[in-house]
Amino acid sequence: MKRLMIAGAALLLTAPASAQDLGGAEIIVTGQRGEQDDYSKDMPSVGLRRTADFLIQEVKVSGDTRDDKQRSQEIHAMIEQALRLADKHGVELAFGDFVVQPLTLTNYKDLTLTDDRSRPDSQFVTFLVKAPLGDKQSASEAEKRIAGFISAVPEVGRAQMDKQDDVSFSVVAPDAYRDAIASKITEDARQMAAKLGDGYAVQIEGLNMPVQWSRSGLSEVFLYIPYKLTILPKP
């Protein structure tokens, strides 16, 4: 049994991150499990729970000035104001639906201006405002910080900024926690093996899967490897 568990632990600790390794990317965590195509959707009970790195609020800057060129200028000018005020208010601006990318004075005009079908002569741009969590501040404090920032950004012409939907969270470089998750899985398997006795063995499968994630609390995320632990009778 000891040999089996040691071999399983070694396999787990050296398992590749897969072709979909996200490296040091910052990943958005919503209420849904982070799923990868072609991978198991089973969520094990053993994983790593930790505070998310950032609280994220999607915002929309919209404008309804009739002149197309002026409308675009007003929207972009308000985003520029937001970028210049962000550091003062302890927030960062970003964009992305899955992987978070920094929004900067260099790339903000690359954001897509979308026509608002519910209003004539109207367009909008959406992006993200994020505030750090952890020792620096709680989720409620981060949310208040973002709300204060949104209120502080001055309107430009007929352009205005509004919050969109509920807040979400992000975690930076989730695969960096693979070793910590591996340690928890290994310890759980050792305890299970000890309870079973000499007549059974424990087999761990799926250790080549990438680290996945889900939201597990007000500001907490659950990072896990979708492994499968099977109990087998010894021959």
C-alpha atoms as a PDB file:
ATOM      1  CA  MET A   1       0.000   0.000   0.000  1.00  0.00           C
ATOM      2  CA  LYS A   2       2.806   2.436   0.858  1.00  0.00           C
ATOM      3  CA  ARG A   3       4.446   1.768  -2.510  1.00  0.00           C
ATOM      4  CA  LEU A   4       1.141   2.447  -4.263  1.00  0.00           C
ATOM      5  CA  MET A   5       0.622   5.741  -2.470  1.00  0.00           C
ATOM      6  CA  ILE A   6       4.185   6.916  -3.064  1.00  0.00           C
ATOM      7  CA  ALA A   7       3.862   6.148  -6.770  1.00  0.00           C
ATOM      8  CA  GLY A   8       0.547   7.971  -6.918  1.00  0.00           C
ATOM      9  CA  ALA A   9       1.995  11.012  -5.184  1.00  0.00           C
ATOM     10  CA  ALA A  10       4.977  11.102  -7.534  1.00  0.00           C
ATOM     11  CA  LEU A  11       2.697  10.935 -10.571  1.00  0.00           C
ATOM     12  CA  LEU A  12       0.549  13.713  -9.206  1.00  0.00           C
ATOM     13  CA  LEU A  13       3.418  16.029  -8.444  1.00  0.00           C
ATOM     14  CA  THR A  14       4.930  15.616 -11.906  1.00  0.00           C
ATOM     15  CA  ALA A  15       1.708  15.697 -13.933  1.00  0.00           C
ATOM     16  CA  PRO A  16       1.866  18.125 -16.883  1.00  0.00           C
ATOM     17  CA  ALA A  17      -0.271  21.262 -16.818  1.00  0.00           C
ATOM     18  CA  SER A  18      -1.709  20.291 -20.240  1.00  0.00           C
ATOM     19  CA  ALA A  19      -1.821  22.064 -23.561  1.00  0.00           C
ATOM     20  CA  GLN A  20      -4.269  24.552 -22.080  1.00  0.00           C
ATOM     21  CA  ASP A  21      -1.800  25.713 -19.430  1.00  0.00           C
ATOM     22  CA  LEU A  22      -2.703  29.325 -18.668  1.00  0.00           C
ATOM     23  CA  GLY A  23       0.676  30.187 -17.181  1.00  0.00           C
ATOM     24  CA  GLY A  24       0.543  33.354 -15.111  1.00  0.00           C
ATOM     25  CA  ALA A  25      -2.775  34.528 -16.543  1.00  0.00           C
ATOM     26  CA  GLU A  26      -5.420  36.110 -14.341  1.00  0.00           C
ATOM     27  CA  ILE A  27      -8.686  34.168 -14.677  1.00  0.00           C
ATOM     28  CA  ILE A  28     -12.224  35.369 -13.966  1.00  0.00           C
ATOM     29  CA  VAL A  29     -14.140  33.194 -11.493  1.00  0.00           C
ATOM     30  CA  THR A  30     -17.924  33.473 -11.644  1.00  0.00           C
ATOM     31  CA  GLY A  31     -20.554  31.357  -9.909  1.00  0.00           C
ATOM     32  CA  GLN A  32     -19.923  28.599 -12.460  1.00  0.00           C
ATOM     33  CA  ARG A  33     -17.117  26.074 -12.421  1.00  0.00           C
ATOM     34  CA  GLY A  34     -14.223  26.915 -14.731  1.00  0.00           C
ATOM     35  CA  GLU A  35     -14.648  24.246 -17.395  1.00  0.00           C
ATOM     36  CA  GLN A  36     -12.220  23.159 -20.089  1.00  0.00           C
ATOM     37  CA  ASP A  37     -13.485  21.437 -23.246  1.00  0.00           C
ATOM     38  CA  ASP A  38     -12.920  17.660 -23.270  1.00  0.00           C
ATOM     39  CA  TYR A  39     -12.202  17.456 -19.560  1.00  0.00           C
ATOM     40  CA  SER A  40     -14.212  15.864 -16.777  1.00  0.00           C
ATOM     41  CA  LYS A  41     -16.892  17.988 -15.197  1.00  0.00           C
ATOM     42  CA  ASP A  42     -16.710  16.120 -11.893  1.00  0.00           C
ATOM     43  CA  MET A  43     -15.629  18.299  -8.999  1.00  0.00           C
ATOM     44  CA  PRO A  44     -13.789  16.404  -6.235  1.00  0.00           C
ATOM     45  CA  SER A  45     -14.205  17.264  -2.577  1.00  0.00           C
ATOM     46  CA  VAL A  46     -10.463  17.704  -2.098  1.00  0.00           C
ATOM     47  CA  GLY A  47      -8.855  20.888  -3.340  1.00  0.00           C
ATOM     48  CA  LEU A  48      -7.556  24.241  -2.168  1.00  0.00           C
ATOM     49  CA  ARG A  49      -9.805  26.995  -0.827  1.00  0.00           C
ATOM     50  CA  ARG A  50      -8.344  30.476  -0.749  1.00  0.00           C
ATOM     51  CA  THR A  51      -9.361  34.119  -0.989  1.00  0.00           C
ATOM     52  CA  ALA A  52      -9.659  35.362  -4.575  1.00  0.00           C
ATOM     53  CA  ASP A  53      -6.999  37.816  -5.728  1.00  0.00           C
ATOM     54  CA  PHE A  54      -9.354  40.498  -7.044  1.00  0.00           C
ATOM     55  CA  LEU A  55     -12.995  41.550  -6.865  1.00  0.00           C
ATOM     56  CA  ILE A  56     -14.195  42.505 -10.339  1.00  0.00           C
ATOM     57  CA  GLN A  57     -17.055  44.776 -11.402  1.00  0.00           C
ATOM     58  CA  GLU A  58     -18.066  45.126 -15.037  1.00  0.00           C
ATOM     59  CA  VAL A  59     -18.931  48.702 -16.028  1.00  0.00           C
ATOM     60  CA  LYS A  60     -20.431  50.312 -19.102  1.00  0.00           C
ATOM     61  CA  VAL A  61     -19.567  53.723 -20.520  1.00  0.00           C
ATOM     62  CA  SER A  62     -22.381  54.825 -22.808  1.00  0.00           C
ATOM     63  CA  GLY A  63     -23.155  57.937 -24.821  1.00  0.00           C
ATOM     64  CA  ASP A  64     -26.047  59.193 -26.937  1.00  0.00           C
ATOM     65  CA  THR A  65     -24.677  62.324 -28.583  1.00  0.00           C
ATOM     66  CA  ARG A  66     -26.155  62.427 -32.088  1.00  0.00           C
ATOM     67  CA  ASP A  67     -22.928  63.143 -33.942  1.00  0.00           C
ATOM     68  CA  ASP A  68     -21.061  59.842 -34.372  1.00  0.00           C
ATOM     69  CA  LYS A  69     -17.577  61.321 -34.095  1.00  0.00           C
ATOM     70  CA  GLN A  70     -18.376  63.446 -31.050  1.00  0.00           C
ATOM     71  CA  ARG A  71     -20.116  60.542 -29.348  1.00  0.00           C
ATOM     72  CA  SER A  72     -17.060  58.342 -29.811  1.00  0.00           C
ATOM     73  CA  GLN A  73     -14.759  61.103 -28.540  1.00  0.00           C
ATOM     74  CA  GLU A  74     -16.852  61.616 -25.404  1.00  0.00           C
ATOM     75  CA  ILE A  75     -16.911  57.892 -24.582  1.00  0.00           C
ATOM     76  CA  HIS A  76     -13.172  57.556 -25.098  1.00  0.00           C
ATOM     77  CA  ALA A  77     -12.472  60.729 -23.113  1.00  0.00           C
ATOM     78  CA  MET A  78     -14.415  59.362 -20.136  1.00  0.00           C
ATOM     79  CA  ILE A  79     -12.505  56.073 -20.270  1.00  0.00           C
ATOM     80  CA  GLU A  80      -9.261  58.054 -20.358  1.00  0.00           C
ATOM     81  CA  GLN A  81     -10.378  60.000 -17.277  1.00  0.00           C
ATOM     82  CA  ALA A  82     -11.116  56.683 -15.555  1.00  0.00           C
ATOM     83  CA  LEU A  83      -7.671  55.340 -16.387  1.00  0.00           C
ATOM     84  CA  ARG A  84      -5.972  58.436 -14.972  1.00  0.00           C
ATOM     85  CA  LEU A  85      -8.004  58.253 -11.739  1.00  0.00           C
ATOM     86  CA  ALA A  86      -7.749  54.503 -11.161  1.00  0.00           C
ATOM     87  CA  ASP A  87      -4.467  54.446  -9.239  1.00  0.00           C
ATOM     88  CA  LYS A  88      -5.592  57.251  -6.934  1.00  0.00           C
ATOM     89  CA  HIS A  89      -8.646  55.194  -5.945  1.00  0.00           C
ATOM     90  CA  GLY A  90      -6.743  51.934  -5.516  1.00  0.00           C
ATOM     91  CA  VAL A  91      -8.344  50.111  -8.444  1.00  0.00           C
ATOM     92  CA  GLU A  92      -7.215  48.756 -11.808  1.00  0.00           C
ATOM     93  CA  LEU A  93      -8.981  48.697 -15.163  1.00  0.00           C
ATOM     94  CA  ALA A  94      -9.035  45.613 -17.358  1.00  0.00           C
ATOM     95  CA  PHE A  95     -10.988  43.762 -20.033  1.00  0.00           C
ATOM     96  CA  GLY A  96     -11.753  40.150 -20.963  1.00  0.00           C
ATOM     97  CA  ASP A  97     -14.485  37.543 -20.577  1.00  0.00           C
ATOM     98  CA  PHE A  98     -12.239  34.759 -19.270  1.00  0.00           C
ATOM     99  CA  VAL A  99      -8.607  35.875 -19.134  1.00  0.00           C
ATOM    100  CA  VAL A 100      -8.148  39.348 -17.625  1.00  0.00           C
ATOM    101  CA  GLN A 101      -6.006  41.766 -19.622  1.00  0.00           C
ATOM    102  CA  PRO A 102      -4.866  45.226 -18.409  1.00  0.00           C
ATOM    103  CA  LEU A 103      -6.675  48.220 -19.888  1.00  0.00           C
ATOM    104  CA  THR A 104      -4.181  51.033 -20.464  1.00  0.00           C
ATOM    105  CA  LEU A 105      -3.845  54.447 -22.034  1.00  0.00           C
ATOM    106  CA  THR A 106      -2.254  52.657 -24.972  1.00  0.00           C
ATOM    107  CA  ASN A 107      -4.989  50.137 -25.782  1.00  0.00           C
ATOM    108  CA  TYR A 108      -8.285  51.575 -24.474  1.00  0.00           C
ATOM    109  CA  LYS A 109      -9.360  52.813 -27.898  1.00  0.00           C
ATOM    110  CA  ASP A 110      -9.213  49.218 -29.125  1.00  0.00           C
ATOM    111  CA  LEU A 111     -12.317  48.401 -27.066  1.00  0.00           C
ATOM    112  CA  THR A 112     -15.342  47.752 -29.268  1.00  0.00           C
ATOM    113  CA  LEU A 113     -17.966  50.486 -29.510  1.00  0.00           C
ATOM    114  CA  THR A 114     -21.290  48.642 -29.587  1.00  0.00           C
ATOM    115  CA  ASP A 115     -24.550  50.078 -30.905  1.00  0.00           C
ATOM    116  CA  ASP A 116     -27.301  50.238 -28.280  1.00  0.00           C
ATOM    117  CA  ARG A 117     -30.323  48.800 -30.098  1.00  0.00           C
ATOM    118  CA  SER A 118     -32.708  50.025 -27.399  1.00  0.00           C
ATOM    119  CA  ARG A 119     -31.761  53.697 -27.926  1.00  0.00           C
ATOM    120  CA  PRO A 120     -31.209  55.689 -31.129  1.00  0.00           C
ATOM    121  CA  ASP A 121     -27.811  57.324 -31.715  1.00  0.00           C
ATOM    122  CA  SER A 122     -26.352  55.452 -28.749  1.00  0.00           C
ATOM    123  CA  GLN A 123     -23.232  53.361 -28.246  1.00  0.00           C
ATOM    124  CA  PHE A 124     -21.443  51.825 -25.311  1.00  0.00           C
ATOM    125  CA  VAL A 125     -18.212  50.147 -24.247  1.00  0.00           C
ATOM    126  CA  THR A 126     -17.847  47.632 -21.411  1.00  0.00           C
ATOM    127  CA  PHE A 127     -14.736  46.847 -19.384  1.00  0.00           C
ATOM    128  CA  LEU A 128     -13.728  45.750 -15.884  1.00  0.00           C
ATOM    129  CA  VAL A 129     -12.818  47.575 -12.694  1.00  0.00           C
ATOM    130  CA  LYS A 130     -10.974  45.437 -10.154  1.00  0.00           C
ATOM    131  CA  ALA A 131      -9.746  45.870  -6.582  1.00  0.00           C
ATOM    132  CA  PRO A 132      -7.348  43.580  -4.661  1.00  0.00           C
ATOM    133  CA  LEU A 133      -8.572  41.244  -1.922  1.00  0.00           C
ATOM    134  CA  GLY A 134      -6.877  39.350   0.900  1.00  0.00           C
ATOM    135  CA  ASP A 135      -4.883  41.068   3.621  1.00  0.00           C
ATOM    136  CA  LYS A 136      -5.338  44.405   1.857  1.00  0.00           C
ATOM    137  CA  GLN A 137      -9.144  44.560   2.083  1.00  0.00           C
ATOM    138  CA  SER A 138     -12.318  42.502   2.363  1.00  0.00           C
ATOM    139  CA  ALA A 139     -14.823  41.950  -0.434  1.00  0.00           C
ATOM    140  CA  SER A 140     -17.201  44.559   0.997  1.00  0.00           C
ATOM    141  CA  GLU A 141     -14.384  47.097   1.268  1.00  0.00           C
ATOM    142  CA  ALA A 142     -13.281  46.364  -2.297  1.00  0.00           C
ATOM    143  CA  GLU A 143     -16.841  46.779  -3.552  1.00  0.00           C
ATOM    144  CA  LYS A 144     -17.148  50.139  -1.795  1.00  0.00           C
ATOM    145  CA  ARG A 145     -13.815  51.231  -3.235  1.00  0.00           C
ATOM    146  CA  ILE A 146     -14.982  50.417  -6.763  1.00  0.00           C
ATOM    147  CA  ALA A 147     -18.320  52.166  -6.222  1.00  0.00           C
ATOM    148  CA  GLY A 148     -16.483  55.271  -4.991  1.00  0.00           C
ATOM    149  CA  PHE A 149     -14.241  55.197  -8.035  1.00  0.00           C
ATOM    150  CA  ILE A 150     -17.176  54.937 -10.452  1.00  0.00           C
ATOM    151  CA  SER A 151     -18.842  57.922  -8.770  1.00  0.00           C
ATOM    152  CA  ALA A 152     -15.610  59.934  -8.965  1.00  0.00           C
ATOM    153  CA  VAL A 153     -15.094  59.594 -12.720  1.00  0.00           C
ATOM    154  CA  PRO A 154     -16.484  62.802 -14.287  1.00  0.00           C
ATOM    155  CA  GLU A 155     -18.955  62.547 -17.131  1.00  0.00           C
ATOM    156  CA  VAL A 156     -17.817  63.896 -20.482  1.00  0.00           C
ATOM    157  CA  GLY A 157     -20.539  65.468 -22.585  1.00  0.00           C
ATOM    158  CA  ARG A 158     -23.381  62.936 -22.662  1.00  0.00           C
ATOM    159  CA  ALA A 159     -21.147  59.972 -21.780  1.00  0.00           C
ATOM    160  CA  GLN A 160     -21.763  58.253 -18.446  1.00  0.00           C
ATOM    161  CA  MET A 161     -20.501  55.215 -16.539  1.00  0.00           C
ATOM    162  CA  ASP A 162     -22.717  52.596 -14.859  1.00  0.00           C
ATOM    163  CA  LYS A 163     -22.225  49.271 -13.090  1.00  0.00           C
ATOM    164  CA  GLN A 164     -23.228  46.097 -14.926  1.00  0.00           C
ATOM    165  CA  ASP A 165     -24.428  42.835 -13.350  1.00  0.00           C
ATOM    166  CA  ASP A 166     -23.112  41.373 -10.101  1.00  0.00           C
ATOM    167  CA  VAL A 167     -19.485  41.343  -9.038  1.00  0.00           C
ATOM    168  CA  SER A 168     -17.205  38.441  -9.874  1.00  0.00           C
ATOM    169  CA  PHE A 169     -13.707  37.476  -8.768  1.00  0.00           C
ATOM    170  CA  SER A 170     -10.387  36.551 -10.294  1.00  0.00           C
ATOM    171  CA  VAL A 171      -7.417  34.393  -9.398  1.00  0.00           C
ATOM    172  CA  VAL A 172      -3.921  34.901 -10.755  1.00  0.00           C
ATOM    173  CA  ALA A 173      -1.991  31.898 -12.131  1.00  0.00           C
ATOM    174  CA  PRO A 174      -4.264  29.123 -10.809  1.00  0.00           C
ATOM    175  CA  ASP A 175      -1.845  26.418 -11.997  1.00  0.00           C
ATOM    176  CA  ALA A 176       0.771  27.787  -9.598  1.00  0.00           C
ATOM    177  CA  TYR A 177      -1.247  26.117  -6.811  1.00  0.00           C
ATOM    178  CA  ARG A 178      -0.869  22.627  -8.322  1.00  0.00           C
ATOM    179  CA  ASP A 179       1.680  21.480  -5.721  1.00  0.00           C
ATOM    180  CA  ALA A 180      -0.505  22.665  -2.826  1.00  0.00           C
ATOM    181  CA  ILE A 181      -3.518  20.884  -4.304  1.00  0.00           C
ATOM    182  CA  ALA A 182      -1.384  17.781  -4.889  1.00  0.00           C
ATOM    183  CA  SER A 183      -0.365  17.726  -1.232  1.00  0.00           C
ATOM    184  CA  LYS A 184      -4.006  17.783  -0.128  1.00  0.00           C
ATOM    185  CA  ILE A 185      -4.968  15.001  -2.548  1.00  0.00           C
ATOM    186  CA  THR A 186      -2.023  12.860  -1.466  1.00  0.00           C
ATOM    187  CA  GLU A 187      -2.810  13.284   2.220  1.00  0.00           C
ATOM    188  CA  ASP A 188      -6.472  12.432   1.648  1.00  0.00           C
ATOM    189  CA  ALA A 189      -5.491   9.304  -0.303  1.00  0.00           C
ATOM    190  CA  ARG A 190      -3.100   8.211   2.465  1.00  0.00           C
ATOM    191  CA  GLN A 191      -5.847   8.570   5.062  1.00  0.00           C
ATOM    192  CA  MET A 192      -8.278   6.620   2.885  1.00  0.00           C
ATOM    193  CA  ALA A 193      -5.725   3.844   2.355  1.00  0.00           C
ATOM    194  CA  ALA A 194      -5.145   3.559   6.102  1.00  0.00           C
ATOM    195  CA  LYS A 195      -8.885   3.169   6.738  1.00  0.00           C
ATOM    196  CA  LEU A 196      -9.338   0.474   4.104  1.00  0.00           C
ATOM    197  CA  GLY A 197      -6.822  -1.987   5.475  1.00  0.00           C
ATOM    198  CA  ASP A 198      -4.518  -4.401   3.662  1.00  0.00           C
ATOM    199  CA  GLY A 199      -7.223  -5.961   1.481  1.00  0.00           C
ATOM    200  CA  TYR A 200      -7.732  -2.874  -0.686  1.00  0.00           C
ATOM    201  CA  ALA A 201      -5.702  -0.416  -2.739  1.00  0.00           C
ATOM    202  CA  VAL A 202      -6.354   3.146  -3.849  1.00  0.00           C
ATOM    203  CA  GLN A 203      -5.950   4.247  -7.472  1.00  0.00           C
ATOM    204  CA  ILE A 204      -5.785   7.918  -8.548  1.00  0.00           C
ATOM    205  CA  GLU A 205      -6.737   8.851 -12.115  1.00  0.00           C
ATOM    206  CA  GLY A 206      -6.977  12.161 -13.976  1.00  0.00           C
ATOM    207  CA  LEU A 207      -3.837  13.702 -12.551  1.00  0.00           C
ATOM    208  CA  ASN A 208      -2.933  15.113 -15.969  1.00  0.00           C
ATOM    209  CA  MET A 209      -5.918  17.467 -15.842  1.00  0.00           C
ATOM    210  CA  PRO A 210      -5.300  21.216 -15.521  1.00  0.00           C
ATOM    211  CA  VAL A 211      -6.180  23.077 -12.352  1.00  0.00           C
ATOM    212  CA  GLN A 212      -9.805  24.221 -12.447  1.00  0.00           C
ATOM    213  CA  TRP A 213     -11.761  26.577 -10.245  1.00  0.00           C
ATOM    214  CA  SER A 214     -15.137  27.578  -8.854  1.00  0.00           C
ATOM    215  CA  ARG A 215     -16.449  30.174  -6.455  1.00  0.00           C
ATOM    216  CA  SER A 216     -16.986  28.721  -2.991  1.00  0.00           C
ATOM    217  CA  GLY A 217     -17.879  31.686  -0.779  1.00  0.00           C
ATOM    218  CA  LEU A 218     -18.392  35.432  -0.576  1.00  0.00           C
ATOM    219  CA  SER A 219     -14.825  36.069  -1.759  1.00  0.00           C
ATOM    220  CA  GLU A 220     -13.361  32.557  -1.724  1.00  0.00           C
ATOM    221  CA  VAL A 221     -12.432  30.312  -4.643  1.00  0.00           C
ATOM    222  CA  PHE A 222     -11.995  26.544  -4.765  1.00  0.00           C
ATOM    223  CA  LEU A 223      -9.045  25.359  -6.874  1.00  0.00           C
ATOM    224  CA  TYR A 224      -8.933  21.684  -7.766  1.00  0.00           C
ATOM    225  CA  ILE A 225      -7.666  18.999 -10.118  1.00  0.00           C
ATOM    226  CA  PRO A 226     -10.590  16.893 -11.434  1.00  0.00           C
ATOM    227  CA  TYR A 227      -8.998  13.613 -10.382  1.00  0.00           C
ATOM    228  CA  LYS A 228     -10.789  10.368  -9.602  1.00  0.00           C
ATOM    229  CA  LEU A 229      -9.956   8.188  -6.613  1.00  0.00           C
ATOM    230  CA  THR A 230     -10.978   4.517  -6.984  1.00  0.00           C
ATOM    231  CA  ILE A 231     -10.948   1.792  -4.338  1.00  0.00           C
ATOM    232  CA  LEU A 232      -9.864  -1.613  -5.677  1.00  0.00           C
ATOM    233  CA  PRO A 233      -9.593  -4.976  -3.951  1.00  0.00           C
ATOM    234  CA  LYS A 234      -6.081  -6.378  -4.025  1.00  0.00           C
ATOM    235  CA  PRO A 235      -5.707  -9.490  -6.199  1.00  0.00           C
END
